[in-house]
Amino acid sequence: MSNSNFLVDILTKDSLVFVLTYYNDGLPLATLKAMAWELPVIVTPVRGIPEIVSECENGLYS
């Protein structure tokens, strides 16, 4: 496991909510990891994100 993946896992595990306002990535891996940790997610509804995050069902759009 790389250091960046380890850091993401540690930060996600100790968080209460995940927020990602990003416009350039098709489907950010960090969003999937946060959802795997069962964190509520607040994301920007661009590209592939609406395929995995349904507003008010498993996350919110910023």
Protein backbone atom coordinates (compact mmCIF):
# COMPACT_ATOMS: atom_id res chain seq x y z
CA MET A 1 0.00 0.00 0.00
CA SER A 2 1.39 3.40 -0.92
CA ASN A 3 1.73 6.17 1.65
CA SER A 4 -1.02 8.24 0.00
CA ASN A 5 -3.51 5.34 0.15
CA PHE A 6 -2.57 4.71 3.77
CA LEU A 7 -3.13 8.39 4.61
CA VAL A 8 -6.52 8.42 2.87
CA ASP A 9 -7.59 5.30 4.77
CA ILE A 10 -6.51 6.74 8.14
CA LEU A 11 -8.17 10.11 7.55
CA THR A 12 -11.36 8.54 6.24
CA LYS A 13 -11.60 6.12 9.16
CA ASP A 14 -11.46 8.94 11.71
CA SER A 15 -13.87 11.29 9.90
CA LEU A 16 -17.55 11.97 10.47
CA VAL A 17 -18.37 13.23 6.96
CA PHE A 18 -16.63 13.32 3.56
CA VAL A 19 -16.72 16.42 1.33
CA LEU A 20 -15.29 16.52 -2.19
CA THR A 21 -15.92 19.46 -4.50
CA TYR A 22 -13.95 18.41 -7.55
CA TYR A 23 -14.58 19.04 -11.23
CA ASN A 24 -11.81 17.19 -13.09
CA ASP A 25 -11.89 13.52 -12.11
CA GLY A 26 -14.30 11.08 -13.73
CA LEU A 27 -14.92 9.02 -10.60
CA PRO A 28 -12.73 9.88 -7.59
CA LEU A 29 -11.51 6.81 -5.71
CA ALA A 30 -11.63 8.81 -2.47
CA THR A 31 -15.44 9.04 -2.78
CA LEU A 32 -15.73 5.28 -3.13
CA LYS A 33 -13.47 4.75 -0.12
CA ALA A 34 -15.53 7.16 1.99
CA MET A 35 -18.70 5.33 1.01
CA ALA A 36 -17.03 2.01 1.89
CA TRP A 37 -16.40 3.46 5.38
CA GLU A 38 -20.16 4.29 5.44
CA LEU A 39 -19.50 8.02 5.76
CA PRO A 40 -22.09 10.52 4.56
CA VAL A 41 -20.70 12.14 1.41
CA ILE A 42 -21.13 15.64 0.00
CA VAL A 43 -19.86 15.78 -3.57
CA THR A 44 -20.06 17.77 -6.80
CA PRO A 45 -22.42 16.02 -9.27
CA VAL A 46 -20.04 15.82 -12.25
CA ARG A 47 -19.05 13.02 -14.62
CA GLY A 48 -19.37 9.57 -12.96
CA ILE A 49 -20.30 10.72 -9.46
CA PRO A 50 -24.11 10.78 -10.00
CA GLU A 51 -23.87 7.10 -10.97
CA ILE A 52 -22.80 6.17 -7.43
CA VAL A 53 -24.24 8.99 -5.29
CA SER A 54 -28.00 9.51 -5.27
CA GLU A 55 -28.85 12.83 -3.63
CA CYS A 56 -30.61 12.46 -0.28
CA GLU A 57 -30.31 8.67 -0.54
CA ASN A 58 -26.61 8.01 0.07
CA GLY A 59 -25.16 11.52 -0.19
CA LEU A 60 -25.68 15.17 -1.00
CA TYR A 61 -24.58 17.36 -3.90
CA SER A 62 -22.69 20.56 -3.23
